[in-house]
C-alpha atoms as a PDB file:
ATOM      1  CA  MET A   1       4.584 -24.855  26.363  1.00  0.00           C
ATOM      2  CA  ALA A   2       0.965 -23.718  26.497  1.00  0.00           C
ATOM      3  CA  LYS A   3      -0.614 -22.640  23.251  1.00  0.00           C
ATOM      4  CA  ARG A   4      -0.961 -18.875  22.970  1.00  0.00           C
ATOM      5  CA  PRO A   5      -4.472 -17.507  22.473  1.00  0.00           C
ATOM      6  CA  LEU A   6      -5.274 -16.606  18.878  1.00  0.00           C
ATOM      7  CA  ILE A   7      -7.545 -13.783  17.838  1.00  0.00           C
ATOM      8  CA  LEU A   8      -9.080 -13.831  14.389  1.00  0.00           C
ATOM      9  CA  LEU A   9      -9.343 -10.279  12.981  1.00  0.00           C
ATOM     10  CA  ILE A  10     -11.616 -10.184   9.945  1.00  0.00           C
ATOM     11  CA  ASP A  11     -11.814  -7.555   7.228  1.00  0.00           C
ATOM     12  CA  GLY A  12     -15.602  -7.616   6.923  1.00  0.00           C
ATOM     13  CA  HIS A  13     -16.069  -5.808   3.616  1.00  0.00           C
ATOM     14  CA  ALA A  14     -13.242  -7.760   1.980  1.00  0.00           C
ATOM     15  CA  LEU A  15     -14.859 -11.100   2.785  1.00  0.00           C
ATOM     16  CA  VAL A  16     -18.292  -9.794   1.815  1.00  0.00           C
ATOM     17  CA  PHE A  17     -17.135  -8.760  -1.665  1.00  0.00           C
ATOM     18  CA  VAL A  18     -15.361 -12.080  -2.232  1.00  0.00           C
ATOM     19  CA  ALA A  19     -18.514 -13.921  -1.171  1.00  0.00           C
ATOM     20  CA  TYR A  20     -20.718 -11.696  -3.332  1.00  0.00           C
ATOM     21  CA  HIS A  21     -18.738 -12.380  -6.493  1.00  0.00           C
ATOM     22  CA  ALA A  22     -18.137 -16.067  -5.720  1.00  0.00           C
ATOM     23  CA  ILE A  23     -21.836 -16.986  -5.730  1.00  0.00           C
ATOM     24  CA  LYS A  24     -22.720 -17.034  -9.438  1.00  0.00           C
ATOM     25  CA  MET A  25     -26.312 -18.249  -9.186  1.00  0.00           C
ATOM     26  CA  PRO A  26     -28.853 -15.799  -7.716  1.00  0.00           C
ATOM     27  CA  MET A  27     -29.950 -16.693  -4.183  1.00  0.00           C
ATOM     28  CA  ASN A  28     -33.079 -15.114  -2.783  1.00  0.00           C
ATOM     29  CA  LEU A  29     -35.115 -15.589   0.336  1.00  0.00           C
ATOM     30  CA  PRO A  30     -38.316 -17.324  -0.844  1.00  0.00           C
ATOM     31  CA  SER A  31     -40.594 -15.438   1.550  1.00  0.00           C
ATOM     32  CA  THR A  32     -39.479 -11.940   0.488  1.00  0.00           C
ATOM     33  CA  GLY A  33     -37.331 -12.300  -2.634  1.00  0.00           C
ATOM     34  CA  GLU A  34     -34.514 -10.595  -0.745  1.00  0.00           C
ATOM     35  CA  PRO A  35     -31.041 -11.446  -2.140  1.00  0.00           C
ATOM     36  CA  ILE A  36     -28.912 -13.484   0.289  1.00  0.00           C
ATOM     37  CA  GLY A  37     -26.125 -14.902  -1.886  1.00  0.00           C
ATOM     38  CA  ALA A  38     -23.396 -12.773  -0.278  1.00  0.00           C
ATOM     39  CA  VAL A  39     -24.643 -13.730   3.191  1.00  0.00           C
ATOM     40  CA  TYR A  40     -24.513 -17.423   2.299  1.00  0.00           C
ATOM     41  CA  GLY A  41     -21.043 -17.120   0.815  1.00  0.00           C
ATOM     42  CA  PHE A  42     -19.823 -15.160   3.821  1.00  0.00           C
ATOM     43  CA  ILE A  43     -21.068 -17.651   6.416  1.00  0.00           C
ATOM     44  CA  ASN A  44     -19.508 -20.518   4.463  1.00  0.00           C
ATOM     45  CA  SER A  45     -16.131 -18.764   4.377  1.00  0.00           C
ATOM     46  CA  PHE A  46     -16.391 -17.735   8.014  1.00  0.00           C
ATOM     47  CA  LEU A  47     -17.117 -21.253   9.249  1.00  0.00           C
ATOM     48  CA  ARG A  48     -14.331 -22.727   7.111  1.00  0.00           C
ATOM     49  CA  ILE A  49     -11.820 -20.269   8.560  1.00  0.00           C
ATOM     50  CA  ILE A  50     -13.044 -20.888  12.110  1.00  0.00           C
ATOM     51  CA  SER A  51     -12.679 -24.641  11.578  1.00  0.00           C
ATOM     52  CA  ASP A  52      -9.200 -24.282  10.063  1.00  0.00           C
ATOM     53  CA  PHE A  53      -7.691 -22.013  12.731  1.00  0.00           C
ATOM     54  CA  GLU A  54      -9.790 -22.615  15.901  1.00  0.00           C
ATOM     55  CA  PRO A  55      -9.378 -19.117  17.355  1.00  0.00           C
ATOM     56  CA  SER A  56      -9.875 -18.357  21.019  1.00  0.00           C
ATOM     57  CA  HIS A  57     -11.114 -14.859  20.133  1.00  0.00           C
ATOM     58  CA  CYS A  58     -12.701 -13.186  17.137  1.00  0.00           C
ATOM     59  CA  ALA A  59     -13.473  -9.632  16.017  1.00  0.00           C
ATOM     60  CA  ILE A  60     -14.523  -8.078  12.733  1.00  0.00           C
ATOM     61  CA  ALA A  61     -13.958  -4.619  11.230  1.00  0.00           C
ATOM     62  CA  PHE A  62     -15.998  -2.862   8.571  1.00  0.00           C
ATOM     63  CA  ASP A  63     -15.398   0.218   6.454  1.00  0.00           C
ATOM     64  CA  ARG A  64     -17.677   3.167   7.035  1.00  0.00           C
ATOM     65  CA  ARG A  65     -19.547   4.961   4.268  1.00  0.00           C
ATOM     66  CA  GLU A  66     -18.092   8.443   4.737  1.00  0.00           C
ATOM     67  CA  PRO A  67     -14.707   9.491   3.283  1.00  0.00           C
ATOM     68  CA  THR A  68     -11.529   8.752   5.234  1.00  0.00           C
ATOM     69  CA  PHE A  69      -8.416  10.782   5.979  1.00  0.00           C
ATOM     70  CA  ARG A  70      -6.890   9.277   2.815  1.00  0.00           C
ATOM     71  CA  HIS A  71      -9.542  10.994   0.695  1.00  0.00           C
ATOM     72  CA  GLU A  72      -8.505  14.263   2.349  1.00  0.00           C
ATOM     73  CA  LEU A  73      -4.866  13.578   1.477  1.00  0.00           C
ATOM     74  CA  PHE A  74      -5.680  12.568  -2.103  1.00  0.00           C
ATOM     75  CA  ASP A  75      -9.126  13.255  -3.527  1.00  0.00           C
ATOM     76  CA  GLN A  76      -8.692  10.587  -6.215  1.00  0.00           C
ATOM     77  CA  TYR A  77      -8.128   7.833  -3.672  1.00  0.00           C
ATOM     78  CA  LYS A  78     -10.159   4.774  -4.788  1.00  0.00           C
ATOM     79  CA  ALA A  79     -11.882   6.990  -7.369  1.00  0.00           C
ATOM     80  CA  ASN A  80     -11.529   4.237  -9.970  1.00  0.00           C
ATOM     81  CA  ARG A  81     -13.705   1.762  -8.082  1.00  0.00           C
ATOM     82  CA  PRO A  82     -17.165   0.942  -9.411  1.00  0.00           C
ATOM     83  CA  PRO A  83     -20.180   1.816  -7.259  1.00  0.00           C
ATOM     84  CA  THR A  84     -21.383  -0.745  -4.737  1.00  0.00           C
ATOM     85  CA  PRO A  85     -23.937  -3.131  -6.304  1.00  0.00           C
ATOM     86  CA  GLU A  86     -27.476  -2.099  -5.406  1.00  0.00           C
ATOM     87  CA  ASP A  87     -28.323  -5.445  -3.820  1.00  0.00           C
ATOM     88  CA  LEU A  88     -25.275  -5.515  -1.523  1.00  0.00           C
ATOM     89  CA  PRO A  89     -25.828  -2.924   1.263  1.00  0.00           C
ATOM     90  CA  LYS A  90     -28.826  -4.777   2.713  1.00  0.00           C
ATOM     91  CA  GLN A  91     -26.834  -8.011   2.633  1.00  0.00           C
ATOM     92  CA  ILE A  92     -24.010  -6.296   4.517  1.00  0.00           C
ATOM     93  CA  ASP A  93     -26.569  -5.308   7.142  1.00  0.00           C
ATOM     94  CA  LEU A  94     -27.655  -8.954   7.359  1.00  0.00           C
ATOM     95  CA  ILE A  95     -24.041 -10.058   7.743  1.00  0.00           C
ATOM     96  CA  LYS A  96     -23.537  -7.555  10.549  1.00  0.00           C
ATOM     97  CA  LYS A  97     -26.657  -8.953  12.196  1.00  0.00           C
ATOM     98  CA  LEU A  98     -25.223 -12.446  11.730  1.00  0.00           C
ATOM     99  CA  MET A  99     -22.014 -11.380  13.490  1.00  0.00           C
ATOM    100  CA  HIS A 100     -24.125  -9.880  16.273  1.00  0.00           C
ATOM    101  CA  VAL A 101     -25.954 -13.196  16.720  1.00  0.00           C
ATOM    102  CA  PHE A 102     -22.560 -14.953  16.748  1.00  0.00           C
ATOM    103  CA  ASN A 103     -21.708 -12.502  19.556  1.00  0.00           C
ATOM    104  CA  ILE A 104     -18.647 -11.257  17.666  1.00  0.00           C
ATOM    105  CA  PRO A 105     -17.725  -7.599  18.308  1.00  0.00           C
ATOM    106  CA  ILE A 106     -17.859  -5.280  15.295  1.00  0.00           C
ATOM    107  CA  TYR A 107     -15.365  -2.421  15.046  1.00  0.00           C
ATOM    108  CA  ASP A 108     -15.147   0.666  12.860  1.00  0.00           C
ATOM    109  CA  SER A 109     -13.905   4.230  13.297  1.00  0.00           C
ATOM    110  CA  LYS A 110     -14.898   7.474  11.626  1.00  0.00           C
ATOM    111  CA  GLY A 111     -12.279   8.708   9.177  1.00  0.00           C
ATOM    112  CA  TYR A 112     -10.453   5.383   9.001  1.00  0.00           C
ATOM    113  CA  GLU A 113     -10.648   2.209   6.963  1.00  0.00           C
ATOM    114  CA  ALA A 114     -11.077  -1.331   8.218  1.00  0.00           C
ATOM    115  CA  ASP A 115      -7.354  -1.940   7.542  1.00  0.00           C
ATOM    116  CA  ASP A 116      -6.447   0.777  10.050  1.00  0.00           C
ATOM    117  CA  VAL A 117      -8.822  -0.694  12.610  1.00  0.00           C
ATOM    118  CA  LEU A 118      -7.361  -4.167  12.089  1.00  0.00           C
ATOM    119  CA  GLY A 119      -3.832  -2.805  12.351  1.00  0.00           C
ATOM    120  CA  THR A 120      -4.694  -1.156  15.658  1.00  0.00           C
ATOM    121  CA  LEU A 121      -6.409  -4.246  17.042  1.00  0.00           C
ATOM    122  CA  SER A 122      -3.482  -6.460  16.035  1.00  0.00           C
ATOM    123  CA  SER A 123      -1.065  -4.103  17.809  1.00  0.00           C
ATOM    124  CA  GLN A 124      -3.183  -4.235  20.936  1.00  0.00           C
ATOM    125  CA  SER A 125      -3.459  -8.016  20.797  1.00  0.00           C
ATOM    126  CA  GLU A 126       0.330  -8.304  20.541  1.00  0.00           C
ATOM    127  CA  ARG A 127       0.746  -6.137  23.636  1.00  0.00           C
ATOM    128  CA  PHE A 128      -1.712  -8.403  25.425  1.00  0.00           C
ATOM    129  CA  GLY A 129       0.391 -11.483  24.685  1.00  0.00           C
ATOM    130  CA  MET A 130      -1.768 -12.926  21.934  1.00  0.00           C
ATOM    131  CA  ASP A 131      -1.217 -14.143  18.406  1.00  0.00           C
ATOM    132  CA  SER A 132      -3.432 -12.608  15.746  1.00  0.00           C
ATOM    133  CA  LEU A 133      -4.505 -13.701  12.291  1.00  0.00           C
ATOM    134  CA  ILE A 134      -5.808 -10.995   9.957  1.00  0.00           C
ATOM    135  CA  VAL A 135      -8.264 -12.360   7.391  1.00  0.00           C
ATOM    136  CA  THR A 136      -8.475 -10.233   4.257  1.00  0.00           C
ATOM    137  CA  VAL A 137      -7.954 -10.066   0.496  1.00  0.00           C
ATOM    138  CA  ASP A 138      -5.757  -6.978   0.645  1.00  0.00           C
ATOM    139  CA  SER A 139      -1.983  -7.323   0.233  1.00  0.00           C
ATOM    140  CA  ASP A 140      -1.529  -3.915   1.900  1.00  0.00           C
ATOM    141  CA  THR A 141      -2.049  -5.691   5.227  1.00  0.00           C
ATOM    142  CA  LEU A 142       1.178  -7.665   4.731  1.00  0.00           C
ATOM    143  CA  GLN A 143       2.897  -4.675   6.347  1.00  0.00           C
ATOM    144  CA  LEU A 144       1.230  -5.766   9.612  1.00  0.00           C
ATOM    145  CA  VAL A 145       2.929  -9.168   9.685  1.00  0.00           C
ATOM    146  CA  SER A 146       5.191  -9.681  12.693  1.00  0.00           C
ATOM    147  CA  LYS A 147       6.401 -12.409  15.006  1.00  0.00           C
ATOM    148  CA  ASN A 148       2.921 -12.663  16.521  1.00  0.00           C
ATOM    149  CA  THR A 149       0.709 -11.461  13.653  1.00  0.00           C
ATOM    150  CA  LYS A 150       0.037 -13.333  10.427  1.00  0.00           C
ATOM    151  CA  VAL A 151      -2.131 -12.410   7.467  1.00  0.00           C
ATOM    152  CA  TYR A 152      -4.456 -14.885   5.780  1.00  0.00           C
ATOM    153  CA  ILE A 153      -5.271 -13.781   2.230  1.00  0.00           C
ATOM    154  CA  SER A 154      -8.470 -15.502   1.191  1.00  0.00           C
ATOM    155  CA  THR A 155      -9.810 -14.961  -2.311  1.00  0.00           C
ATOM    156  CA  ALA A 156     -12.006 -17.038  -4.576  1.00  0.00           C
ATOM    157  CA  PHE A 157      -8.889 -18.448  -6.252  1.00  0.00           C
ATOM    158  CA  ASN A 158      -6.174 -18.451  -3.599  1.00  0.00           C
ATOM    159  CA  ARG A 159      -5.773 -18.932   0.139  1.00  0.00           C
ATOM    160  CA  LYS A 160      -2.449 -18.357   1.804  1.00  0.00           C
ATOM    161  CA  THR A 161      -1.124 -17.539   5.250  1.00  0.00           C
ATOM    162  CA  TYR A 162       1.726 -15.039   5.385  1.00  0.00           C
ATOM    163  CA  ASP A 163       4.271 -14.926   8.179  1.00  0.00           C
ATOM    164  CA  ILE A 164       7.509 -12.921   8.068  1.00  0.00           C
ATOM    165  CA  GLU A 165       9.237 -15.573   5.964  1.00  0.00           C
ATOM    166  CA  GLU A 166       6.446 -15.723   3.375  1.00  0.00           C
ATOM    167  CA  VAL A 167       6.322 -11.945   3.049  1.00  0.00           C
ATOM    168  CA  SER A 168      10.082 -11.936   2.552  1.00  0.00           C
ATOM    169  CA  LYS A 169       9.759 -14.565  -0.192  1.00  0.00           C
ATOM    170  CA  ARG A 170       7.071 -12.536  -1.943  1.00  0.00           C
ATOM    171  CA  TYR A 171       9.129  -9.344  -1.872  1.00  0.00           C
ATOM    172  CA  ASP A 172      12.597 -10.679  -2.657  1.00  0.00           C
ATOM    173  CA  GLY A 173      13.948 -10.625   0.896  1.00  0.00           C
ATOM    174  CA  LEU A 174      12.365  -7.379   2.090  1.00  0.00           C
ATOM    175  CA  LYS A 175      10.641  -7.196   5.479  1.00  0.00           C
ATOM    176  CA  PRO A 176       6.904  -6.601   6.028  1.00  0.00           C
ATOM    177  CA  GLU A 177       7.380  -3.025   7.212  1.00  0.00           C
ATOM    178  CA  ILE A 178       8.710  -2.072   3.762  1.00  0.00           C
ATOM    179  CA  VAL A 179       5.374  -2.814   2.039  1.00  0.00           C
ATOM    180  CA  PRO A 180       4.284   0.874   2.139  1.00  0.00           C
ATOM    181  CA  ASP A 181       7.573   1.842   0.454  1.00  0.00           C
ATOM    182  CA  ILE A 182       6.916  -0.731  -2.281  1.00  0.00           C
ATOM    183  CA  LYS A 183       3.443   0.724  -2.824  1.00  0.00           C
ATOM    184  CA  GLY A 184       4.909   4.230  -2.748  1.00  0.00           C
ATOM    185  CA  LEU A 185       7.104   3.399  -5.720  1.00  0.00           C
ATOM    186  CA  GLN A 186       4.988   0.884  -7.613  1.00  0.00           C
ATOM    187  CA  GLY A 187       1.610   2.374  -6.766  1.00  0.00           C
ATOM    188  CA  ASP A 188      -1.551   0.368  -6.236  1.00  0.00           C
ATOM    189  CA  ALA A 189      -4.105   0.361  -9.040  1.00  0.00           C
ATOM    190  CA  SER A 190      -6.821  -1.187  -6.865  1.00  0.00           C
ATOM    191  CA  ASP A 191      -6.783   1.867  -4.566  1.00  0.00           C
ATOM    192  CA  ASN A 192      -5.817   4.353  -7.295  1.00  0.00           C
ATOM    193  CA  ILE A 193      -2.534   5.103  -5.530  1.00  0.00           C
ATOM    194  CA  PRO A 194      -0.299   6.505  -8.280  1.00  0.00           C
ATOM    195  CA  GLY A 195       3.216   5.686  -7.111  1.00  0.00           C
ATOM    196  CA  VAL A 196       6.024   6.719  -9.467  1.00  0.00           C
ATOM    197  CA  PRO A 197       4.941   6.351 -13.108  1.00  0.00           C
ATOM    198  CA  GLY A 198       7.301   4.039 -14.960  1.00  0.00           C
ATOM    199  CA  ILE A 199       8.493   2.144 -11.888  1.00  0.00           C
ATOM    200  CA  GLY A 200       7.181  -1.399 -11.542  1.00  0.00           C
ATOM    201  CA  ILE A 201       7.580  -4.028  -8.876  1.00  0.00           C
ATOM    202  CA  LYS A 202      11.010  -5.275 -10.041  1.00  0.00           C
ATOM    203  CA  THR A 203      12.554  -1.814 -10.029  1.00  0.00           C
ATOM    204  CA  ALA A 204      10.881  -0.947  -6.729  1.00  0.00           C
ATOM    205  CA  LEU A 205      12.303  -4.047  -5.045  1.00  0.00           C
ATOM    206  CA  LYS A 206      15.761  -3.428  -6.517  1.00  0.00           C
ATOM    207  CA  LEU A 207      15.828   0.161  -5.242  1.00  0.00           C
ATOM    208  CA  LEU A 208      14.587  -0.793  -1.787  1.00  0.00           C
ATOM    209  CA  LYS A 209      17.124  -3.591  -1.471  1.00  0.00           C
ATOM    210  CA  GLN A 210      19.815  -1.017  -2.220  1.00  0.00           C
ATOM    211  CA  TYR A 211      18.541   1.913  -0.145  1.00  0.00           C
ATOM    212  CA  SER A 212      16.132   0.315   2.398  1.00  0.00           C
ATOM    213  CA  THR A 213      13.327   2.904   2.236  1.00  0.00           C
ATOM    214  CA  ILE A 214      11.952   5.664   0.011  1.00  0.00           C
ATOM    215  CA  GLU A 215      13.671   8.132   2.309  1.00  0.00           C
ATOM    216  CA  GLY A 216      16.944   6.276   1.763  1.00  0.00           C
ATOM    217  CA  ILE A 217      16.477   6.379  -2.002  1.00  0.00           C
ATOM    218  CA  TYR A 218      16.065  10.152  -2.049  1.00  0.00           C
ATOM    219  CA  GLU A 219      18.934  10.670   0.360  1.00  0.00           C
ATOM    220  CA  ASN A 220      21.122   8.932  -2.222  1.00  0.00           C
ATOM    221  CA  ILE A 221      19.275  10.039  -5.357  1.00  0.00           C
ATOM    222  CA  ASN A 222      22.476  11.053  -7.168  1.00  0.00           C
ATOM    223  CA  GLU A 223      23.682   7.447  -6.981  1.00  0.00           C
ATOM    224  CA  VAL A 224      20.534   5.941  -8.510  1.00  0.00           C
ATOM    225  CA  THR A 225      20.985   4.361 -11.910  1.00  0.00           C
ATOM    226  CA  PRO A 226      20.015   4.212 -14.690  1.00  0.00           C
ATOM    227  CA  GLU A 227      19.511   7.921 -15.317  1.00  0.00           C
ATOM    228  CA  ARG A 228      15.965   7.310 -16.569  1.00  0.00           C
ATOM    229  CA  ILE A 229      14.908   5.914 -13.168  1.00  0.00           C
ATOM    230  CA  GLN A 230      16.681   8.742 -11.356  1.00  0.00           C
ATOM    231  CA  ASN A 231      14.775  11.287 -13.439  1.00  0.00           C
ATOM    232  CA  LEU A 232      11.451   9.550 -12.833  1.00  0.00           C
ATOM    233  CA  LEU A 233      12.103   9.636  -9.098  1.00  0.00           C
ATOM    234  CA  LEU A 234      13.113  13.302  -9.150  1.00  0.00           C
ATOM    235  CA  GLN A 235      10.047  14.275 -11.196  1.00  0.00           C
ATOM    236  CA  ASN A 236       7.660  12.397  -8.898  1.00  0.00           C
ATOM    237  CA  LYS A 237       9.184  12.877  -5.442  1.00  0.00           C
ATOM    238  CA  THR A 238       6.059  14.387  -3.899  1.00  0.00           C
ATOM    239  CA  THR A 239       3.881  11.647  -5.381  1.00  0.00           C
ATOM    240  CA  ALA A 240       6.190   8.896  -4.089  1.00  0.00           C
ATOM    241  CA  PHE A 241       6.026  10.138  -0.505  1.00  0.00           C
ATOM    242  CA  GLN A 242       2.289  10.785  -0.737  1.00  0.00           C
ATOM    243  CA  SER A 243       1.723   7.291  -2.124  1.00  0.00           C
ATOM    244  CA  LYS A 244       3.717   5.743   0.707  1.00  0.00           C
ATOM    245  CA  ASP A 245       1.637   7.696   3.213  1.00  0.00           C
ATOM    246  CA  LEU A 246      -1.599   6.562   1.571  1.00  0.00           C
ATOM    247  CA  ALA A 247      -0.437   2.921   1.699  1.00  0.00           C
ATOM    248  CA  THR A 248       0.650   3.083   5.341  1.00  0.00           C
ATOM    249  CA  ILE A 249      -1.856   1.441   7.672  1.00  0.00           C
ATOM    250  CA  ARG A 250      -2.457   3.462  10.825  1.00  0.00           C
ATOM    251  CA  ARG A 251      -2.134   1.570  14.091  1.00  0.00           C
ATOM    252  CA  ASP A 252      -3.352   4.226  16.511  1.00  0.00           C
ATOM    253  CA  VAL A 253      -7.059   4.341  15.629  1.00  0.00           C
ATOM    254  CA  PRO A 254      -9.330   5.207  18.599  1.00  0.00           C
ATOM    255  CA  VAL A 255     -10.677   1.683  19.113  1.00  0.00           C
ATOM    256  CA  HIS A 256     -10.022  -0.609  22.058  1.00  0.00           C
ATOM    257  CA  LEU A 257      -9.918  -4.380  21.963  1.00  0.00           C
ATOM    258  CA  ASN A 258     -12.201  -5.914  24.579  1.00  0.00           C
ATOM    259  CA  LEU A 259     -10.934  -9.447  25.013  1.00  0.00           C
ATOM    260  CA  GLU A 260     -13.848 -10.589  27.125  1.00  0.00           C
ATOM    261  CA  SER A 261     -16.391  -9.691  24.455  1.00  0.00           C
ATOM    262  CA  ALA A 262     -14.123 -11.125  21.739  1.00  0.00           C
ATOM    263  CA  GLU A 263     -13.897 -14.627  23.257  1.00  0.00           C
ATOM    264  CA  PHE A 264     -15.128 -17.234  20.820  1.00  0.00           C
ATOM    265  CA  PRO A 265     -17.419 -19.090  20.765  1.00  0.00           C
ATOM    266  CA  GLN A 266     -19.842 -17.594  23.267  1.00  0.00           C
ATOM    267  CA  TYR A 267     -23.076 -17.276  21.326  1.00  0.00           C
ATOM    268  CA  ASP A 268     -26.571 -18.483  22.124  1.00  0.00           C
ATOM    269  CA  ASN A 269     -26.881 -21.647  20.067  1.00  0.00           C
ATOM    270  CA  ASP A 270     -30.680 -21.583  19.849  1.00  0.00           C
ATOM    271  CA  GLU A 271     -30.754 -17.923  18.796  1.00  0.00           C
ATOM    272  CA  LEU A 272     -28.150 -18.539  16.096  1.00  0.00           C
ATOM    273  CA  ILE A 273     -29.939 -21.604  14.722  1.00  0.00           C
ATOM    274  CA  GLN A 274     -33.203 -19.683  14.617  1.00  0.00           C
ATOM    275  CA  PHE A 275     -31.553 -16.843  12.686  1.00  0.00           C
ATOM    276  CA  LEU A 276     -29.918 -19.196  10.184  1.00  0.00           C
ATOM    277  CA  ARG A 277     -33.192 -21.039   9.607  1.00  0.00           C
ATOM    278  CA  SER A 278     -34.947 -17.719   9.018  1.00  0.00           C
ATOM    279  CA  LEU A 279     -32.583 -17.353   6.046  1.00  0.00           C
ATOM    280  CA  ASN A 280     -33.178 -20.950   4.919  1.00  0.00           C
ATOM    281  CA  PHE A 281     -29.555 -21.821   5.756  1.00  0.00           C
ATOM    282  CA  ASN A 282     -30.501 -25.185   7.214  1.00  0.00           C
ATOM    283  CA  SER A 283     -27.403 -26.908   5.812  1.00  0.00           C
ATOM    284  CA  ILE A 284     -25.191 -24.490   7.752  1.00  0.00           C
ATOM    285  CA  VAL A 285     -26.578 -25.464  11.158  1.00  0.00           C
ATOM    286  CA  LYS A 286     -24.701 -28.780  11.407  1.00  0.00           C
ATOM    287  CA  ARG A 287     -21.412 -26.985  10.717  1.00  0.00           C
ATOM    288  CA  LEU A 288     -21.696 -24.628  13.677  1.00  0.00           C
ATOM    289  CA  PRO A 289     -18.878 -24.844  16.250  1.00  0.00           C
ATOM    290  CA  GLN A 290     -20.282 -25.762  19.636  1.00  0.00           C
ATOM    291  CA  ASN A 291     -19.247 -23.902  22.741  1.00  0.00           C
ATOM    292  CA  ASN A 292     -17.736 -27.045  24.237  1.00  0.00           C
ATOM    293  CA  GLN A 293     -15.892 -28.163  21.093  1.00  0.00           C
ATOM    294  CA  MET A 294     -13.261 -25.422  20.747  1.00  0.00           C
ATOM    295  CA  LYS A 295     -10.363 -24.814  23.093  1.00  0.00           C
ATOM    296  CA  LYS A 296     -10.579 -21.897  25.443  1.00  0.00           C
ATOM    297  CA  PHE A 297      -7.808 -20.015  27.198  1.00  0.00           C
ATOM    298  CA  LYS A 298      -9.583 -18.887  30.357  1.00  0.00           C
ATOM    299  CA  SER A 299      -6.516 -18.630  32.589  1.00  0.00           C
ATOM    300  CA  VAL A 300      -4.532 -16.749  29.944  1.00  0.00           C
ATOM    301  CA  ASN A 301      -7.481 -14.500  29.201  1.00  0.00           C
ATOM    302  CA  THR A 302      -7.833 -13.592  32.863  1.00  0.00           C
ATOM    303  CA  GLN A 303      -4.179 -12.594  33.040  1.00  0.00           C
ATOM    304  CA  ILE A 304      -4.489 -10.549  29.835  1.00  0.00           C
ATOM    305  CA  LEU A 305      -7.622  -8.774  31.039  1.00  0.00           C
ATOM    306  CA  LEU A 306      -5.850  -7.826  34.262  1.00  0.00           C
ATOM    307  CA  THR A 307      -3.013  -6.403  32.188  1.00  0.00           C
ATOM    308  CA  MET A 308      -5.481  -4.239  30.262  1.00  0.00           C
ATOM    309  CA  LYS A 309      -6.778  -2.543  33.385  1.00  0.00           C
END
């Protein structure tokens, strides 16, 4: 059986922040003094992932600076996060330029987060007969895991690929689509999603194994024991449903996956080498994937592109 094409869907800001904090020693461009540590860390991670998974396609999504629909739903959403380091925005611009030179399409959408964009792109790739691998640090994206979509969580300390079985192991037998319900009960401190105060992961999993969803829990609220948990749920019903909504990744964002532009690799080798050398990344050049070294899926791509029309 022919290998299915694989699209790599990258959470740009997630990888940038991991790279930024992973490089402990300051790195600056000698000619200008401009900081480039996050750029160096990002390109190292990117090339490692490309080498490990050999995708036929690649796309990257970034968050936008303005508030999203989640901030409209809950004005304290992510309010606990520290401000972006002053030396990072210009490095993000450099990383976007790097992706442009790699000829990798960049996606974002006003009012949405990168997770929503990635969720939409993964849905589209599934409809087009492709496998997708979402590269991120965010466990929220585990709700996107399906037969044809996996999530690769890549942090400075841990790297793991999640399929349906691995998600089920992590959440005591529950399926990926229940992740928003887990967050609705447990909350998510990293995004300042409150959940139900007093309910932790063990209780959340126990309740969801009994009643399937948050809706199922409240439909059977009189059966919930112990009484303390029942009271917590009754007192925080609105918050539980709001938290689930905040944790639910949208998959209908107004973006459209262009498979032709997402084919990888299809960059100008000389242009890329020149850009890397302008950043003094000479050691990176020998690690670049060559256009004739990675498998392509031209016949499959043609069929998929015809399906899109």
